[in-house]
């Protein structure tokens, strides 16, 4: 059983586990109606080794409604679970600013 970064066992309203069946992923990610920024950490110590985050992000985005998953979504480089490295923090801050500006129409 995979455990999400939220510490919940699979099946407990879990959006993030890597081993969920397509039907479950589609149900969760397909119901999101507002724009969402998907930014997991590249070196999250709470995620099992071998999880391909690039594929996982692409999978999550593929089940979102058109225009919901932000183009600024991506993997926070070098970041651990708490994003306590300066490089990861800067990357994340930049993406959040870009995401928020996109919600304002690019202002």
C-alpha atoms as a PDB file:
ATOM      1  CA  UNK A   1       0.000   0.000   0.000  1.00  0.00           C
ATOM      2  CA  UNK A   2       1.346   3.403  -0.982  1.00  0.00           C
ATOM      3  CA  UNK A   3       0.930   6.275   1.449  1.00  0.00           C
ATOM      4  CA  UNK A   4       0.429   9.835   0.273  1.00  0.00           C
ATOM      5  CA  UNK A   5       2.417  12.793   1.502  1.00  0.00           C
ATOM      6  CA  UNK A   6      -0.567  13.627   3.657  1.00  0.00           C
ATOM      7  CA  UNK A   7       0.022  10.424   5.614  1.00  0.00           C
ATOM      8  CA  UNK A   8      -3.323   8.924   4.701  1.00  0.00           C
ATOM      9  CA  UNK A   9      -3.770   5.333   3.682  1.00  0.00           C
ATOM     10  CA  UNK A  10      -4.930   4.745   0.146  1.00  0.00           C
ATOM     11  CA  UNK A  11      -8.669   5.152  -0.130  1.00  0.00           C
ATOM     12  CA  UNK A  12      -8.972   7.918   2.501  1.00  0.00           C
ATOM     13  CA  UNK A  13      -9.853  10.695  -0.022  1.00  0.00           C
ATOM     14  CA  UNK A  14      -6.319  10.408  -1.363  1.00  0.00           C
ATOM     15  CA  UNK A  15      -5.467  12.548  -4.393  1.00  0.00           C
ATOM     16  CA  UNK A  16      -1.748  11.910  -4.444  1.00  0.00           C
ATOM     17  CA  UNK A  17      -0.776   8.228  -4.216  1.00  0.00           C
ATOM     18  CA  UNK A  18       1.082   6.907  -7.214  1.00  0.00           C
ATOM     19  CA  UNK A  19      -0.710   3.572  -7.410  1.00  0.00           C
ATOM     20  CA  UNK A  20      -4.355   4.643  -7.631  1.00  0.00           C
ATOM     21  CA  UNK A  21      -6.389   3.176 -10.497  1.00  0.00           C
ATOM     22  CA  UNK A  22      -7.335   5.498 -13.376  1.00  0.00           C
ATOM     23  CA  UNK A  23     -10.999   5.502 -12.328  1.00  0.00           C
ATOM     24  CA  UNK A  24     -10.119   6.877  -8.897  1.00  0.00           C
ATOM     25  CA  UNK A  25      -7.671   9.455 -10.276  1.00  0.00           C
ATOM     26  CA  UNK A  26     -10.278  10.587 -12.822  1.00  0.00           C
ATOM     27  CA  UNK A  27     -12.924  10.931 -10.109  1.00  0.00           C
ATOM     28  CA  UNK A  28     -10.708  13.031  -7.850  1.00  0.00           C
ATOM     29  CA  UNK A  29      -8.921  15.257 -10.363  1.00  0.00           C
ATOM     30  CA  UNK A  30     -11.901  15.510 -12.710  1.00  0.00           C
ATOM     31  CA  UNK A  31     -14.082  17.191 -10.112  1.00  0.00           C
ATOM     32  CA  UNK A  32     -11.734  20.136  -9.562  1.00  0.00           C
ATOM     33  CA  UNK A  33     -13.349  23.183 -11.170  1.00  0.00           C
ATOM     34  CA  UNK A  34     -10.997  26.002 -10.233  1.00  0.00           C
ATOM     35  CA  UNK A  35      -7.423  26.470 -11.474  1.00  0.00           C
ATOM     36  CA  UNK A  36      -4.890  24.395  -9.583  1.00  0.00           C
ATOM     37  CA  UNK A  37      -1.098  24.561  -9.363  1.00  0.00           C
ATOM     38  CA  UNK A  38       0.451  21.104  -8.971  1.00  0.00           C
ATOM     39  CA  UNK A  39       3.945  21.381  -7.451  1.00  0.00           C
ATOM     40  CA  UNK A  40       5.305  18.304  -5.670  1.00  0.00           C
ATOM     41  CA  UNK A  41       8.866  18.222  -4.341  1.00  0.00           C
ATOM     42  CA  UNK A  42      11.539  16.432  -6.370  1.00  0.00           C
ATOM     43  CA  UNK A  43      13.169  14.834  -3.326  1.00  0.00           C
ATOM     44  CA  UNK A  44      10.196  14.392  -0.994  1.00  0.00           C
ATOM     45  CA  UNK A  45      11.389  11.975   1.660  1.00  0.00           C
ATOM     46  CA  UNK A  46       7.801  10.817   2.290  1.00  0.00           C
ATOM     47  CA  UNK A  47       7.405   9.460  -1.229  1.00  0.00           C
ATOM     48  CA  UNK A  48       8.613   5.937  -2.044  1.00  0.00           C
ATOM     49  CA  UNK A  49      11.765   5.677  -4.151  1.00  0.00           C
ATOM     50  CA  UNK A  50      11.056   5.021  -7.793  1.00  0.00           C
ATOM     51  CA  UNK A  51       7.981   7.233  -8.100  1.00  0.00           C
ATOM     52  CA  UNK A  52       8.284   9.126 -11.399  1.00  0.00           C
ATOM     53  CA  UNK A  53       6.872  12.529 -10.499  1.00  0.00           C
ATOM     54  CA  UNK A  54       7.008  13.869 -14.052  1.00  0.00           C
ATOM     55  CA  UNK A  55       4.755  11.023 -15.212  1.00  0.00           C
ATOM     56  CA  UNK A  56       2.569  11.398 -12.140  1.00  0.00           C
ATOM     57  CA  UNK A  57       2.055  15.137 -12.711  1.00  0.00           C
ATOM     58  CA  UNK A  58       1.213  14.454 -16.362  1.00  0.00           C
ATOM     59  CA  UNK A  59      -1.251  11.772 -15.270  1.00  0.00           C
ATOM     60  CA  UNK A  60      -2.981  14.055 -12.771  1.00  0.00           C
ATOM     61  CA  UNK A  61      -3.178  16.860 -15.330  1.00  0.00           C
ATOM     62  CA  UNK A  62      -4.619  14.504 -17.951  1.00  0.00           C
ATOM     63  CA  UNK A  63      -7.637  13.847 -15.747  1.00  0.00           C
ATOM     64  CA  UNK A  64      -8.307  17.527 -15.002  1.00  0.00           C
ATOM     65  CA  UNK A  65     -10.890  19.470 -16.948  1.00  0.00           C
ATOM     66  CA  UNK A  66      -9.403  21.602 -19.735  1.00  0.00           C
ATOM     67  CA  UNK A  67      -7.789  24.754 -18.367  1.00  0.00           C
ATOM     68  CA  UNK A  68      -7.822  23.625 -14.725  1.00  0.00           C
ATOM     69  CA  UNK A  69      -4.244  22.343 -14.260  1.00  0.00           C
ATOM     70  CA  UNK A  70      -1.903  25.289 -14.533  1.00  0.00           C
ATOM     71  CA  UNK A  71       0.789  25.366 -17.186  1.00  0.00           C
ATOM     72  CA  UNK A  72       3.085  26.451 -14.334  1.00  0.00           C
ATOM     73  CA  UNK A  73       2.690  23.094 -12.564  1.00  0.00           C
ATOM     74  CA  UNK A  74       5.875  21.121 -12.186  1.00  0.00           C
ATOM     75  CA  UNK A  75       8.383  19.445  -9.948  1.00  0.00           C
ATOM     76  CA  UNK A  76      10.085  21.679  -7.366  1.00  0.00           C
ATOM     77  CA  UNK A  77      13.782  21.051  -8.089  1.00  0.00           C
ATOM     78  CA  UNK A  78      15.979  19.789  -5.242  1.00  0.00           C
ATOM     79  CA  UNK A  79      13.144  20.275  -2.748  1.00  0.00           C
ATOM     80  CA  UNK A  80      12.373  17.984   0.147  1.00  0.00           C
ATOM     81  CA  UNK A  81       8.895  17.662   1.665  1.00  0.00           C
ATOM     82  CA  UNK A  82       9.079  20.975   3.501  1.00  0.00           C
ATOM     83  CA  UNK A  83      10.900  22.842   0.713  1.00  0.00           C
ATOM     84  CA  UNK A  84      13.540  24.176   3.077  1.00  0.00           C
ATOM     85  CA  UNK A  85      16.285  24.675   0.468  1.00  0.00           C
ATOM     86  CA  UNK A  86      16.744  28.148  -1.013  1.00  0.00           C
ATOM     87  CA  UNK A  87      16.735  26.952  -4.643  1.00  0.00           C
ATOM     88  CA  UNK A  88      13.443  25.114  -4.233  1.00  0.00           C
ATOM     89  CA  UNK A  89      11.891  28.010  -2.340  1.00  0.00           C
ATOM     90  CA  UNK A  90      12.832  30.466  -5.073  1.00  0.00           C
ATOM     91  CA  UNK A  91      11.496  28.183  -7.818  1.00  0.00           C
ATOM     92  CA  UNK A  92       8.240  27.657  -5.908  1.00  0.00           C
ATOM     93  CA  UNK A  93       7.793  31.376  -5.193  1.00  0.00           C
ATOM     94  CA  UNK A  94       8.336  32.171  -8.870  1.00  0.00           C
ATOM     95  CA  UNK A  95       5.760  29.573  -9.953  1.00  0.00           C
ATOM     96  CA  UNK A  96       3.191  30.741  -7.407  1.00  0.00           C
ATOM     97  CA  UNK A  97       3.578  34.359  -8.568  1.00  0.00           C
ATOM     98  CA  UNK A  98       3.201  33.310 -12.221  1.00  0.00           C
ATOM     99  CA  UNK A  99       0.156  31.203 -11.339  1.00  0.00           C
ATOM    100  CA  UNK A 100      -1.517  34.028  -9.416  1.00  0.00           C
ATOM    101  CA  UNK A 101      -0.791  36.501 -12.210  1.00  0.00           C
ATOM    102  CA  UNK A 102      -2.346  34.092 -14.711  1.00  0.00           C
ATOM    103  CA  UNK A 103      -5.522  34.136 -12.607  1.00  0.00           C
ATOM    104  CA  UNK A 104      -5.577  37.938 -12.854  1.00  0.00           C
ATOM    105  CA  UNK A 105      -5.257  37.779 -16.618  1.00  0.00           C
ATOM    106  CA  UNK A 106      -1.515  38.358 -16.712  1.00  0.00           C
ATOM    107  CA  UNK A 107      -1.521  41.688 -14.826  1.00  0.00           C
END
